[in-house]
Amino acid sequence: MMLDQILSFLLLYKYFALFLITFFASLLNITPASPSLIASGSLVATSHLNYWQVFLFGFLGSVIGDITAYLISYFYSREILIKIGFRKILESKSFSKIEDLFKKNSGKTIFVSRFFLTSFGPVVNLIAGLSKTNYKKFIFYDILGEALYVFILTGIGYLFANNWKYISNLFSHTSNILIALIVFITIMYFHRKKLFSK
């Protein structure tokens, strides 16, 4: 979904559109939640949308999407998840690396993946469910992280309303660089650990 299409979709369907985008981004990582939240913030600045409704629908979409993915993976095996549409996430290169990190720092991983490395969020949701993470712990860190995520991105969109497309592209490129860096550091960490354990 291109940036102009996001803007048109938000203007046409408003809060319902934002809810759907954030929900499916959290569930399957197939919709552009971050650009949509930034765009929504810019629409608040131009009086097309109400801030509190933007925050509420963006927050609810994100949290409900996260919890849905968590519950599905909690009650079903990896094989069933692959069959019902989670193959891309479960067979990604980053999945096993994040799974190792999650076992040691589950709460921090859930929290950070909500707003810092958001493309890892759906991966973390599945890992949390498959590893039978306590639901209260998952929901606590999820709510904290998603509230911060929605607040920050809608705030950025509001403050830089005239340049929201540029900011959105910048945010996307920066996220990709950070993801590559984190994956590289993680691989080096486990590789080094393996060498020293021999």
Protein backbone atom coordinates (compact mmCIF):
# COMPACT_ATOMS: atom_id res chain seq x y z
CA MET A 1 0.00 0.00 0.00
CA MET A 2 1.56 3.29 -1.19
CA LEU A 3 1.53 6.42 0.95
CA ASP A 4 -1.10 8.18 -1.19
CA GLN A 5 -3.31 5.09 -0.99
CA ILE A 6 -2.93 5.05 2.79
CA LEU A 7 -4.02 8.67 2.99
CA SER A 8 -7.03 8.07 0.72
CA PHE A 9 -8.05 4.98 2.71
CA LEU A 10 -7.82 6.89 6.00
CA LEU A 11 -9.78 9.85 4.65
CA LEU A 12 -12.48 7.58 3.29
CA TYR A 13 -12.92 5.10 6.16
CA LYS A 14 -11.19 7.03 8.95
CA TYR A 15 -10.93 5.23 12.30
CA PHE A 16 -12.19 1.90 11.01
CA ALA A 17 -9.44 1.97 8.36
CA LEU A 18 -6.80 2.66 11.01
CA PHE A 19 -8.11 -0.18 13.17
CA LEU A 20 -7.94 -2.67 10.26
CA ILE A 21 -4.45 -1.58 9.21
CA THR A 22 -2.98 -1.82 12.72
CA PHE A 23 -4.82 -5.09 13.43
CA PHE A 24 -3.49 -6.93 10.37
CA ALA A 25 -0.02 -5.42 10.81
CA SER A 26 0.13 -6.86 14.34
CA LEU A 27 -1.39 -10.18 13.31
CA LEU A 28 0.44 -10.97 10.05
CA ASN A 29 2.64 -7.95 9.25
CA ILE A 30 0.83 -7.46 5.92
CA THR A 31 -0.31 -3.83 6.29
CA PRO A 32 1.73 -0.63 6.87
CA ALA A 33 0.86 0.35 10.45
CA SER A 34 3.68 2.84 11.04
CA PRO A 35 3.05 5.01 7.94
CA SER A 36 -0.69 4.87 8.69
CA LEU A 37 -0.21 6.12 12.24
CA ILE A 38 2.07 8.92 11.04
CA ALA A 39 -0.47 9.83 8.34
CA SER A 40 -3.26 9.80 10.94
CA GLY A 41 -1.29 12.21 13.11
CA SER A 42 -0.94 14.56 10.17
CA LEU A 43 -4.71 14.35 9.58
CA VAL A 44 -5.27 15.32 13.20
CA ALA A 45 -3.09 18.39 12.64
CA THR A 46 -5.24 19.38 9.65
CA SER A 47 -8.48 18.79 11.63
CA HIS A 48 -9.61 15.85 9.49
CA LEU A 49 -9.46 13.42 12.42
CA ASN A 50 -9.81 13.57 16.19
CA TYR A 51 -6.63 12.71 18.12
CA TRP A 52 -8.19 10.61 20.89
CA GLN A 53 -10.13 8.52 18.41
CA VAL A 54 -6.99 8.03 16.33
CA PHE A 55 -5.10 6.93 19.43
CA LEU A 56 -7.91 4.64 20.60
CA PHE A 57 -8.48 2.84 17.28
CA GLY A 58 -4.77 2.60 16.49
CA PHE A 59 -4.08 1.25 19.98
CA LEU A 60 -6.98 -1.22 19.97
CA GLY A 61 -6.14 -2.51 16.50
CA SER A 62 -2.53 -3.11 17.50
CA VAL A 63 -3.30 -4.76 20.85
CA ILE A 64 -6.15 -6.95 19.56
CA GLY A 65 -3.99 -8.07 16.62
CA ASP A 66 -1.14 -8.96 18.99
CA ILE A 67 -3.39 -10.87 21.38
CA THR A 68 -5.10 -12.72 18.50
CA ALA A 69 -1.73 -13.93 17.17
CA TYR A 70 -0.62 -14.85 20.70
CA LEU A 71 -3.78 -16.87 21.39
CA ILE A 72 -3.69 -18.67 18.03
CA SER A 73 -0.07 -19.74 18.59
CA TYR A 74 -0.77 -20.58 22.25
CA PHE A 75 -3.46 -23.12 21.40
CA TYR A 76 -2.20 -24.50 18.08
CA SER A 77 1.01 -26.23 17.00
CA ARG A 78 3.60 -24.77 14.64
CA GLU A 79 2.45 -27.13 11.86
CA ILE A 80 -1.13 -25.85 12.06
CA LEU A 81 0.06 -22.23 12.13
CA ILE A 82 1.97 -22.80 8.89
CA LYS A 83 -1.18 -24.20 7.26
CA ILE A 84 -3.40 -21.26 8.29
CA GLY A 85 -1.20 -18.45 6.96
CA PHE A 86 1.78 -17.93 9.29
CA ARG A 87 4.34 -19.79 7.13
CA LYS A 88 6.21 -16.63 6.08
CA ILE A 89 6.78 -15.54 9.69
CA LEU A 90 7.60 -18.99 11.11
CA GLU A 91 10.06 -19.86 8.34
CA SER A 92 11.81 -16.47 8.30
CA LYS A 93 15.55 -16.35 9.05
CA SER A 94 15.00 -14.08 12.02
CA PHE A 95 12.50 -16.38 13.77
CA SER A 96 14.96 -18.79 15.43
CA LYS A 97 17.31 -15.98 16.45
CA ILE A 98 14.54 -13.97 18.08
CA GLU A 99 13.24 -17.17 19.70
CA ASP A 100 16.59 -17.64 21.47
CA LEU A 101 16.60 -14.05 22.70
CA PHE A 102 12.97 -14.31 23.81
CA LYS A 103 13.68 -17.26 26.10
CA LYS A 104 16.11 -15.10 28.11
CA ASN A 105 14.32 -11.73 28.04
CA SER A 106 10.65 -12.35 27.23
CA GLY A 107 9.18 -9.23 28.87
CA LYS A 108 11.75 -6.85 27.41
CA THR A 109 11.47 -8.48 23.98
CA ILE A 110 7.68 -8.07 23.94
CA PHE A 111 7.91 -4.43 25.07
CA VAL A 112 10.69 -3.37 22.69
CA SER A 113 9.18 -5.12 19.65
CA ARG A 114 6.00 -3.06 20.03
CA PHE A 115 7.59 0.31 19.22
CA PHE A 116 11.30 -0.03 18.36
CA LEU A 117 11.59 -2.95 15.94
CA THR A 118 7.95 -3.20 14.98
CA SER A 119 8.39 -5.62 12.07
CA PHE A 120 9.55 -8.17 14.65
CA GLY A 121 6.29 -7.74 16.58
CA PRO A 122 4.28 -10.47 14.79
CA VAL A 123 7.25 -12.85 15.16
CA VAL A 124 7.41 -12.17 18.90
CA ASN A 125 3.64 -12.67 19.24
CA LEU A 126 3.92 -16.18 17.80
CA ILE A 127 6.98 -17.04 19.88
CA ALA A 128 5.20 -15.85 23.03
CA GLY A 129 2.24 -18.11 22.29
CA LEU A 130 4.28 -21.14 21.26
CA SER A 131 6.45 -20.85 24.38
CA LYS A 132 3.32 -20.57 26.57
CA THR A 133 4.29 -17.18 28.00
CA ASN A 134 2.01 -16.15 30.87
CA TYR A 135 -0.90 -14.23 29.30
CA LYS A 136 -0.90 -11.55 32.02
CA LYS A 137 2.78 -10.87 31.38
CA PHE A 138 2.25 -10.74 27.61
CA ILE A 139 -0.73 -8.38 27.84
CA PHE A 140 1.03 -6.10 30.35
CA TYR A 141 4.12 -5.54 28.20
CA ASP A 142 2.05 -5.46 25.01
CA ILE A 143 -0.23 -2.68 26.28
CA LEU A 144 2.71 -0.61 27.53
CA GLY A 145 4.62 -0.98 24.28
CA GLU A 146 1.69 -0.38 21.94
CA ALA A 147 0.54 2.72 23.85
CA LEU A 148 4.03 4.17 23.47
CA TYR A 149 4.20 3.15 19.80
CA VAL A 150 0.88 4.76 18.86
CA PHE A 151 1.62 7.89 20.93
CA ILE A 152 5.06 8.41 19.37
CA LEU A 153 4.07 7.87 15.73
CA THR A 154 0.84 9.87 15.81
CA GLY A 155 2.77 12.59 17.62
CA ILE A 156 5.44 12.62 14.91
CA GLY A 157 2.72 12.83 12.25
CA TYR A 158 1.09 15.72 14.09
CA LEU A 159 4.32 17.68 14.56
CA PHE A 160 5.51 17.14 10.98
CA ALA A 161 2.12 17.17 9.24
CA ASN A 162 3.40 18.94 6.11
CA ASN A 163 6.25 16.45 5.67
CA TRP A 164 4.63 13.23 6.87
CA LYS A 165 5.52 11.30 3.69
CA TYR A 166 9.19 12.15 4.02
CA ILE A 167 9.16 11.27 7.74
CA SER A 168 7.36 7.99 7.00
CA ASN A 169 9.95 6.99 4.40
CA LEU A 170 12.76 8.00 6.73
CA PHE A 171 11.24 5.96 9.55
CA SER A 172 10.94 2.92 7.28
CA HIS A 173 14.55 3.10 6.09
CA THR A 174 15.85 3.65 9.63
CA SER A 175 13.85 0.65 10.88
CA ASN A 176 15.32 -1.55 8.14
CA ILE A 177 18.85 -0.50 9.06
CA LEU A 178 18.19 -1.17 12.74
CA ILE A 179 16.70 -4.58 11.99
CA ALA A 180 19.73 -5.56 9.89
CA LEU A 181 22.04 -4.35 12.66
CA ILE A 182 20.17 -6.25 15.39
CA VAL A 183 20.12 -9.46 13.33
CA PHE A 184 23.85 -9.12 12.65
CA ILE A 185 24.66 -8.53 16.34
CA THR A 186 22.45 -11.46 17.37
CA ILE A 187 24.12 -13.82 14.88
CA MET A 188 27.59 -12.71 16.03
CA TYR A 189 26.59 -13.11 19.69
CA PHE A 190 25.41 -16.71 19.29
CA HIS A 191 28.28 -17.56 16.96
CA ARG A 192 30.81 -16.23 19.51
CA LYS A 193 29.04 -18.06 22.33
CA LYS A 194 29.18 -21.29 20.33
CA LEU A 195 32.90 -20.89 19.71
CA PHE A 196 33.69 -20.25 23.38
CA SER A 197 31.57 -23.19 24.53
CA LYS A 198 33.71 -25.63 22.53
